[in-house]
């Protein structure tokens, strides 16, 4: 299949000027929208980070408990453990 390129030739009077004249009200609304969006993203990221850290801490506590239980079982079985 061949790619077909279509050239666009502007007709007389067809002009698309680029303007830096933006309505200050619209610019303020856009700025506020972007700030609100970024704040929401930051809040969600912080919440997720806190959850991850909490789960890592919980996992560390569970590993500590598991190591203690294994050491107790080894003591009951009469096996000497190796200290780190």
PDB file of N, CA and C in Angstrom:
ATOM      1  N   UNK A   1       0.840  -1.167   0.000  1.00  0.00           N
ATOM      2  CA  UNK A   1       0.000   0.000   0.000  1.00  0.00           C
ATOM      3  C   UNK A   1       0.890   1.237   0.000  1.00  0.00           C
ATOM      4  N   UNK A   2       0.621   2.161  -0.857  1.00  0.00           N
ATOM      5  CA  UNK A   2       1.424   3.368  -0.955  1.00  0.00           C
ATOM      6  C   UNK A   2       0.861   4.446  -0.046  1.00  0.00           C
ATOM      7  N   UNK A   3       1.773   5.201   0.580  1.00  0.00           N
ATOM      8  CA  UNK A   3       1.344   6.326   1.404  1.00  0.00           C
ATOM      9  C   UNK A   3       0.978   7.485   0.500  1.00  0.00           C
ATOM     10  N   UNK A   4      -0.150   8.068   0.773  1.00  0.00           N
ATOM     11  CA  UNK A   4      -0.616   9.195  -0.024  1.00  0.00           C
ATOM     12  C   UNK A   4      -0.476  10.443   0.811  1.00  0.00           C
ATOM     13  N   UNK A   5       0.292  11.382   0.318  1.00  0.00           N
ATOM     14  CA  UNK A   5       0.452  12.656   1.001  1.00  0.00           C
ATOM     15  C   UNK A   5      -0.407  13.685   0.307  1.00  0.00           C
ATOM     16  N   UNK A   6      -1.146  14.390   1.106  1.00  0.00           N
ATOM     17  CA  UNK A   6      -1.946  15.466   0.540  1.00  0.00           C
ATOM     18  C   UNK A   6      -1.331  16.788   0.968  1.00  0.00           C
ATOM     19  N   UNK A   7      -1.082  17.623   0.005  1.00  0.00           N
ATOM     20  CA  UNK A   7      -0.556  18.932   0.322  1.00  0.00           C
ATOM     21  C   UNK A   7      -1.702  19.881   0.536  1.00  0.00           C
ATOM     22  N   UNK A   8      -1.572  20.681   1.577  1.00  0.00           N
ATOM     23  CA  UNK A   8      -2.597  21.684   1.847  1.00  0.00           C
ATOM     24  C   UNK A   8      -2.088  23.023   1.348  1.00  0.00           C
ATOM     25  N   UNK A   9      -2.821  23.577   0.415  1.00  0.00           N
ATOM     26  CA  UNK A   9      -2.459  24.881  -0.118  1.00  0.00           C
ATOM     27  C   UNK A   9      -3.489  25.874   0.384  1.00  0.00           C
ATOM     28  N   UNK A  10      -3.044  26.833   1.194  1.00  0.00           N
ATOM     29  CA  UNK A  10      -4.006  27.793   1.729  1.00  0.00           C
ATOM     30  C   UNK A  10      -4.677  28.598   0.622  1.00  0.00           C
ATOM     31  N   UNK A  11      -5.967  28.719   0.782  1.00  0.00           N
ATOM     32  CA  UNK A  11      -6.741  29.540  -0.154  1.00  0.00           C
ATOM     33  C   UNK A  11      -6.529  31.007   0.199  1.00  0.00           C
ATOM     34  N   UNK A  12      -6.888  31.877  -0.693  1.00  0.00           N
ATOM     35  CA  UNK A  12      -6.806  33.301  -0.399  1.00  0.00           C
ATOM     36  C   UNK A  12      -7.682  33.613   0.805  1.00  0.00           C
ATOM     37  N   UNK A  13      -7.148  34.363   1.733  1.00  0.00           N
ATOM     38  CA  UNK A  13      -7.926  34.740   2.901  1.00  0.00           C
ATOM     39  C   UNK A  13      -7.848  33.731   4.026  1.00  0.00           C
ATOM     40  N   UNK A  14      -7.279  32.574   3.770  1.00  0.00           N
ATOM     41  CA  UNK A  14      -7.150  31.570   4.820  1.00  0.00           C
ATOM     42  C   UNK A  14      -5.833  31.821   5.535  1.00  0.00           C
ATOM     43  N   UNK A  15      -5.946  32.348   6.731  1.00  0.00           N
ATOM     44  CA  UNK A  15      -4.761  32.748   7.469  1.00  0.00           C
ATOM     45  C   UNK A  15      -4.937  32.322   8.922  1.00  0.00           C
ATOM     46  N   UNK A  16      -3.909  31.737   9.504  1.00  0.00           N
ATOM     47  CA  UNK A  16      -3.963  31.297  10.892  1.00  0.00           C
ATOM     48  C   UNK A  16      -2.869  32.018  11.677  1.00  0.00           C
ATOM     49  N   UNK A  17      -3.144  33.222  12.115  1.00  0.00           N
ATOM     50  CA  UNK A  17      -2.117  33.955  12.853  1.00  0.00           C
ATOM     51  C   UNK A  17      -1.920  33.349  14.251  1.00  0.00           C
ATOM     52  N   UNK A  18      -0.694  33.365  14.708  1.00  0.00           N
ATOM     53  CA  UNK A  18      -0.390  32.922  16.060  1.00  0.00           C
ATOM     54  C   UNK A  18      -0.279  34.183  16.908  1.00  0.00           C
ATOM     55  N   UNK A  19      -1.064  34.217  17.952  1.00  0.00           N
ATOM     56  CA  UNK A  19      -1.127  35.412  18.764  1.00  0.00           C
ATOM     57  C   UNK A  19      -0.691  35.112  20.185  1.00  0.00           C
ATOM     58  N   UNK A  20       0.039  36.035  20.758  1.00  0.00           N
ATOM     59  CA  UNK A  20       0.416  35.913  22.165  1.00  0.00           C
ATOM     60  C   UNK A  20      -0.549  36.693  23.044  1.00  0.00           C
ATOM     61  N   UNK A  21      -1.580  37.237  22.465  1.00  0.00           N
ATOM     62  CA  UNK A  21      -2.572  37.985  23.223  1.00  0.00           C
ATOM     63  C   UNK A  21      -3.601  37.020  23.779  1.00  0.00           C
ATOM     64  N   UNK A  22      -3.359  36.547  25.002  1.00  0.00           N
ATOM     65  CA  UNK A  22      -4.326  35.660  25.630  1.00  0.00           C
ATOM     66  C   UNK A  22      -5.110  36.448  26.653  1.00  0.00           C
ATOM     67  N   UNK A  23      -6.333  36.084  26.804  1.00  0.00           N
ATOM     68  CA  UNK A  23      -7.203  36.727  27.768  1.00  0.00           C
ATOM     69  C   UNK A  23      -6.658  36.450  29.162  1.00  0.00           C
ATOM     70  N   UNK A  24      -6.349  37.499  29.952  1.00  0.00           N
ATOM     71  CA  UNK A  24      -5.787  37.277  31.287  1.00  0.00           C
ATOM     72  C   UNK A  24      -6.686  36.393  32.159  1.00  0.00           C
ATOM     73  N   UNK A  25      -7.998  36.529  32.034  1.00  0.00           N
ATOM     74  CA  UNK A  25      -8.903  35.711  32.827  1.00  0.00           C
ATOM     75  C   UNK A  25      -8.734  34.233  32.470  1.00  0.00           C
ATOM     76  N   UNK A  26      -8.661  33.945  31.191  1.00  0.00           N
ATOM     77  CA  UNK A  26      -8.469  32.562  30.759  1.00  0.00           C
ATOM     78  C   UNK A  26      -7.115  32.031  31.203  1.00  0.00           C
ATOM     79  N   UNK A  27      -6.095  32.875  31.160  1.00  0.00           N
ATOM     80  CA  UNK A  27      -4.764  32.462  31.589  1.00  0.00           C
ATOM     81  C   UNK A  27      -4.768  32.190  33.093  1.00  0.00           C
ATOM     82  N   UNK A  28      -5.467  32.997  33.860  1.00  0.00           N
ATOM     83  CA  UNK A  28      -5.557  32.786  35.311  1.00  0.00           C
ATOM     84  C   UNK A  28      -6.305  31.492  35.612  1.00  0.00           C
ATOM     85  N   UNK A  29      -7.378  31.243  34.872  1.00  0.00           N
ATOM     86  CA  UNK A  29      -8.131  30.012  35.069  1.00  0.00           C
ATOM     87  C   UNK A  29      -7.281  28.801  34.714  1.00  0.00           C
ATOM     88  N   UNK A  30      -6.531  28.897  33.647  1.00  0.00           N
ATOM     89  CA  UNK A  30      -5.658  27.797  33.241  1.00  0.00           C
ATOM     90  C   UNK A  30      -4.579  27.561  34.289  1.00  0.00           C
ATOM     91  N   UNK A  31      -3.985  28.634  34.771  1.00  0.00           N
ATOM     92  CA  UNK A  31      -2.954  28.520  35.801  1.00  0.00           C
ATOM     93  C   UNK A  31      -3.525  27.873  37.053  1.00  0.00           C
ATOM     94  N   UNK A  32      -4.708  28.308  37.452  1.00  0.00           N
ATOM     95  CA  UNK A  32      -5.355  27.736  38.638  1.00  0.00           C
ATOM     96  C   UNK A  32      -5.669  26.263  38.426  1.00  0.00           C
ATOM     97  N   UNK A  33      -6.148  25.919  37.245  1.00  0.00           N
ATOM     98  CA  UNK A  33      -6.452  24.526  36.921  1.00  0.00           C
ATOM     99  C   UNK A  33      -5.203  23.661  37.008  1.00  0.00           C
ATOM    100  N   UNK A  34      -4.111  24.148  36.429  1.00  0.00           N
ATOM    101  CA  UNK A  34      -2.856  23.384  36.433  1.00  0.00           C
ATOM    102  C   UNK A  34      -2.337  23.238  37.866  1.00  0.00           C
ATOM    103  N   UNK A  35      -2.415  24.319  38.650  1.00  0.00           N
ATOM    104  CA  UNK A  35      -1.964  24.239  40.036  1.00  0.00           C
ATOM    105  C   UNK A  35      -2.801  23.246  40.838  1.00  0.00           C
ATOM    106  N   UNK A  36      -4.100  23.254  40.631  1.00  0.00           N
ATOM    107  CA  UNK A  36      -4.988  22.325  41.327  1.00  0.00           C
ATOM    108  C   UNK A  36      -4.684  20.885  40.911  1.00  0.00           C
ATOM    109  N   UNK A  37      -4.470  20.688  39.630  1.00  0.00           N
ATOM    110  CA  UNK A  37      -4.142  19.358  39.118  1.00  0.00           C
ATOM    111  C   UNK A  37      -2.831  18.850  39.711  1.00  0.00           C
ATOM    112  N   UNK A  38      -1.809  19.700  39.721  1.00  0.00           N
ATOM    113  CA  UNK A  38      -0.512  19.310  40.271  1.00  0.00           C
ATOM    114  C   UNK A  38      -0.607  19.039  41.771  1.00  0.00           C
ATOM    115  N   UNK A  39      -1.385  19.843  42.490  1.00  0.00           N
ATOM    116  CA  UNK A  39      -1.557  19.630  43.930  1.00  0.00           C
ATOM    117  C   UNK A  39      -2.235  18.290  44.192  1.00  0.00           C
ATOM    118  N   UNK A  40      -3.248  17.971  43.391  1.00  0.00           N
ATOM    119  CA  UNK A  40      -3.922  16.683  43.520  1.00  0.00           C
ATOM    120  C   UNK A  40      -2.979  15.527  43.262  1.00  0.00           C
ATOM    121  N   UNK A  41      -2.145  15.655  42.253  1.00  0.00           N
ATOM    122  CA  UNK A  41      -1.174  14.610  41.934  1.00  0.00           C
ATOM    123  C   UNK A  41      -0.164  14.459  43.072  1.00  0.00           C
ATOM    124  N   UNK A  42       0.283  15.591  43.618  1.00  0.00           N
ATOM    125  CA  UNK A  42       1.243  15.549  44.716  1.00  0.00           C
ATOM    126  C   UNK A  42       0.620  14.886  45.946  1.00  0.00           C
ATOM    127  N   UNK A  43      -0.637  15.196  46.240  1.00  0.00           N
ATOM    128  CA  UNK A  43      -1.333  14.590  47.376  1.00  0.00           C
ATOM    129  C   UNK A  43      -1.454  13.078  47.200  1.00  0.00           C
ATOM    130  N   UNK A  44      -1.818  12.644  45.990  1.00  0.00           N
ATOM    131  CA  UNK A  44      -1.934  11.208  45.722  1.00  0.00           C
ATOM    132  C   UNK A  44      -0.583  10.516  45.829  1.00  0.00           C
ATOM    133  N   UNK A  45       0.452  11.155  45.313  1.00  0.00           N
ATOM    134  CA  UNK A  45       1.793  10.585  45.386  1.00  0.00           C
ATOM    135  C   UNK A  45       2.229  10.454  46.841  1.00  0.00           C
ATOM    136  N   UNK A  46       1.967  11.486  47.650  1.00  0.00           N
ATOM    137  CA  UNK A  46       2.341  11.449  49.057  1.00  0.00           C
ATOM    138  C   UNK A  46       1.594  10.337  49.782  1.00  0.00           C
ATOM    139  N   UNK A  47       0.321  10.199  49.479  1.00  0.00           N
ATOM    140  CA  UNK A  47      -0.486   9.151  50.096  1.00  0.00           C
ATOM    141  C   UNK A  47       0.051   7.767  49.738  1.00  0.00           C
ATOM    142  N   UNK A  48       0.370   7.572  48.474  1.00  0.00           N
ATOM    143  CA  UNK A  48       0.913   6.286  48.035  1.00  0.00           C
ATOM    144  C   UNK A  48       2.267   6.027  48.681  1.00  0.00           C
ATOM    145  N   UNK A  49       3.097   7.044  48.779  1.00  0.00           N
ATOM    146  CA  UNK A  49       4.410   6.899  49.408  1.00  0.00           C
ATOM    147  C   UNK A  49       4.256   6.497  50.868  1.00  0.00           C
ATOM    148  N   UNK A  50       3.322   7.156  51.577  1.00  0.00           N
ATOM    149  CA  UNK A  50       3.078   6.825  52.985  1.00  0.00           C
ATOM    150  C   UNK A  50       2.605   5.381  53.127  1.00  0.00           C
ATOM    151  N   UNK A  51       1.721   4.936  52.227  1.00  0.00           N
ATOM    152  CA  UNK A  51       1.241   3.557  52.276  1.00  0.00           C
ATOM    153  C   UNK A  51       2.381   2.569  52.043  1.00  0.00           C
ATOM    154  N   UNK A  52       3.244   2.862  51.095  1.00  0.00           N
ATOM    155  CA  UNK A  52       4.369   1.970  50.794  1.00  0.00           C
ATOM    156  C   UNK A  52       5.317   1.894  51.978  1.00  0.00           C
ATOM    157  N   UNK A  53       5.628   3.034  52.568  1.00  0.00           N
ATOM    158  CA  UNK A  53       6.527   3.051  53.723  1.00  0.00           C
ATOM    159  C   UNK A  53       5.906   2.290  54.888  1.00  0.00           C
ATOM    160  N   UNK A  54       4.604   2.473  55.094  1.00  0.00           N
ATOM    161  CA  UNK A  54       3.912   1.744  56.155  1.00  0.00           C
ATOM    162  C   UNK A  54       3.969   0.245  55.940  1.00  0.00           C
ATOM    163  N   UNK A  55       3.785  -0.190  54.710  1.00  0.00           N
ATOM    164  CA  UNK A  55       3.836  -1.623  54.409  1.00  0.00           C
ATOM    165  C   UNK A  55       5.248  -2.179  54.569  1.00  0.00           C
ATOM    166  N   UNK A  56       6.240  -1.391  54.196  1.00  0.00           N
ATOM    167  CA  UNK A  56       7.632  -1.836  54.374  1.00  0.00           C
ATOM    168  C   UNK A  56       7.945  -1.980  55.857  1.00  0.00           C
ATOM    169  N   UNK A  57       7.498  -1.010  56.675  1.00  0.00           N
ATOM    170  CA  UNK A  57       7.712  -1.099  58.125  1.00  0.00           C
ATOM    171  C   UNK A  57       7.014  -2.331  58.695  1.00  0.00           C
ATOM    172  N   UNK A  58       5.780  -2.570  58.264  1.00  0.00           N
ATOM    173  CA  UNK A  58       5.034  -3.744  58.726  1.00  0.00           C
ATOM    174  C   UNK A  58       5.748  -5.033  58.333  1.00  0.00           C
ATOM    175  N   UNK A  59       6.268  -5.075  57.115  1.00  0.00           N
ATOM    176  CA  UNK A  59       6.989  -6.255  56.656  1.00  0.00           C
ATOM    177  C   UNK A  59       8.251  -6.463  57.487  1.00  0.00           C
ATOM    178  N   UNK A  60       8.941  -5.393  57.805  1.00  0.00           N
ATOM    179  CA  UNK A  60      10.133  -5.499  58.643  1.00  0.00           C
ATOM    180  C   UNK A  60       9.799  -6.064  60.014  1.00  0.00           C
ATOM    181  N   UNK A  61       8.689  -5.601  60.599  1.00  0.00           N
ATOM    182  CA  UNK A  61       8.267  -6.121  61.906  1.00  0.00           C
ATOM    183  C   UNK A  61       7.923  -7.603  61.828  1.00  0.00           C
ATOM    184  N   UNK A  62       7.255  -7.987  60.760  1.00  0.00           N
ATOM    185  CA  UNK A  62       6.890  -9.399  60.604  1.00  0.00           C
ATOM    186  C   UNK A  62       8.131 -10.273  60.411  1.00  0.00           C
ATOM    187  N   UNK A  63       9.121  -9.764  59.701  1.00  0.00           N
ATOM    188  CA  UNK A  63      10.370 -10.515  59.514  1.00  0.00           C
ATOM    189  C   UNK A  63      11.086 -10.667  60.851  1.00  0.00           C
ATOM    190  N   UNK A  64      11.102  -9.578  61.646  1.00  0.00           N
ATOM    191  CA  UNK A  64      11.720  -9.653  62.971  1.00  0.00           C
ATOM    192  C   UNK A  64      11.031 -10.710  63.830  1.00  0.00           C
ATOM    193  N   UNK A  65       9.695 -10.727  63.801  1.00  0.00           N
ATOM    194  CA  UNK A  65       8.938 -11.731  64.563  1.00  0.00           C
ATOM    195  C   UNK A  65       9.249 -13.140  64.065  1.00  0.00           C
ATOM    196  N   UNK A  66       9.333 -13.301  62.765  1.00  0.00           N
ATOM    197  CA  UNK A  66       9.639 -14.612  62.189  1.00  0.00           C
ATOM    198  C   UNK A  66      11.023 -15.084  62.622  1.00  0.00           C
ATOM    199  N   UNK A  67      12.004 -14.185  62.586  1.00  0.00           N
ATOM    200  CA  UNK A  67      13.354 -14.547  63.018  1.00  0.00           C
ATOM    201  C   UNK A  67      13.364 -14.961  64.486  1.00  0.00           C
ATOM    202  N   UNK A  68      12.620 -14.222  65.324  1.00  0.00           N
ATOM    203  CA  UNK A  68      12.533 -14.556  66.747  1.00  0.00           C
ATOM    204  C   UNK A  68      11.895 -15.928  66.938  1.00  0.00           C
ATOM    205  N   UNK A  69      10.796 -16.193  66.213  1.00  0.00           N
ATOM    206  CA  UNK A  69      10.134 -17.489  66.320  1.00  0.00           C
ATOM    207  C   UNK A  69      11.035 -18.628  65.861  1.00  0.00           C
ATOM    208  N   UNK A  70      11.794 -18.428  64.812  1.00  0.00           N
ATOM    209  CA  UNK A  70      12.723 -19.454  64.324  1.00  0.00           C
ATOM    210  C   UNK A  70      13.810 -19.711  65.363  1.00  0.00           C
ATOM    211  N   UNK A  71      14.330 -18.625  65.960  1.00  0.00           N
ATOM    212  CA  UNK A  71      15.363 -18.792  66.997  1.00  0.00           C
ATOM    213  C   UNK A  71      14.796 -19.559  68.189  1.00  0.00           C
ATOM    214  N   UNK A  72      13.560 -19.251  68.579  1.00  0.00           N
ATOM    215  CA  UNK A  72      12.924 -19.980  69.688  1.00  0.00           C
ATOM    216  C   UNK A  72      12.754 -21.459  69.347  1.00  0.00           C
ATOM    217  N   UNK A  73      12.315 -21.762  68.153  1.00  0.00           N
ATOM    218  CA  UNK A  73      12.144 -23.150  67.726  1.00  0.00           C
ATOM    219  C   UNK A  73      13.480 -23.893  67.700  1.00  0.00           C
ATOM    220  N   UNK A  74      14.504 -23.213  67.251  1.00  0.00           N
ATOM    221  CA  UNK A  74      15.831 -23.838  67.206  1.00  0.00           C
ATOM    222  C   UNK A  74      16.328 -24.119  68.618  1.00  0.00           C
ATOM    223  N   UNK A  75      16.051 -23.192  69.533  1.00  0.00           N
ATOM    224  CA  UNK A  75      16.443 -23.402  70.926  1.00  0.00           C
ATOM    225  C   UNK A  75      15.696 -24.593  71.512  1.00  0.00           C
ATOM    226  N   UNK A  76      14.394 -24.671  71.224  1.00  0.00           N
ATOM    227  CA  UNK A  76      13.598 -25.800  71.726  1.00  0.00           C
ATOM    228  C   UNK A  76      14.077 -27.130  71.138  1.00  0.00           C
ATOM    229  N   UNK A  77      14.548 -27.101  69.916  1.00  0.00           N
ATOM    230  CA  UNK A  77      15.021 -28.316  69.263  1.00  0.00           C
ATOM    231  C   UNK A  77      16.448 -28.669  69.662  1.00  0.00           C
ATOM    232  N   UNK A  78      17.116 -27.770  70.392  1.00  0.00           N
ATOM    233  CA  UNK A  78      18.481 -28.032  70.832  1.00  0.00           C
ATOM    234  C   UNK A  78      19.519 -27.725  69.774  1.00  0.00           C
ATOM    235  N   UNK A  79      19.139 -26.925  68.768  1.00  0.00           N
ATOM    236  CA  UNK A  79      20.088 -26.540  67.721  1.00  0.00           C
ATOM    237  C   UNK A  79      20.598 -25.150  68.028  1.00  0.00           C
ATOM    238  N   UNK A  80      21.905 -24.991  67.956  1.00  0.00           N
ATOM    239  CA  UNK A  80      22.469 -23.665  68.210  1.00  0.00           C
ATOM    240  C   UNK A  80      22.434 -22.854  66.915  1.00  0.00           C
ATOM    241  N   UNK A  81      21.955 -21.614  67.039  1.00  0.00           N
ATOM    242  CA  UNK A  81      21.895 -20.727  65.883  1.00  0.00           C
ATOM    243  C   UNK A  81      23.184 -19.976  65.725  1.00  0.00           C
ATOM    244  N   UNK A  82      23.416 -19.471  64.537  1.00  0.00           N
ATOM    245  CA  UNK A  82      24.593 -18.655  64.285  1.00  0.00           C
ATOM    246  C   UNK A  82      24.198 -17.210  64.392  1.00  0.00           C
ATOM    247  N   UNK A  83      24.970 -16.467  65.153  1.00  0.00           N
ATOM    248  CA  UNK A  83      24.700 -15.029  65.295  1.00  0.00           C
ATOM    249  C   UNK A  83      25.301 -14.292  64.118  1.00  0.00           C
ATOM    250  N   UNK A  84      24.629 -13.229  63.754  1.00  0.00           N
ATOM    251  CA  UNK A  84      25.117 -12.423  62.617  1.00  0.00           C
ATOM    252  C   UNK A  84      26.160 -11.439  63.085  1.00  0.00           C
TER     253      UNK A  84
END
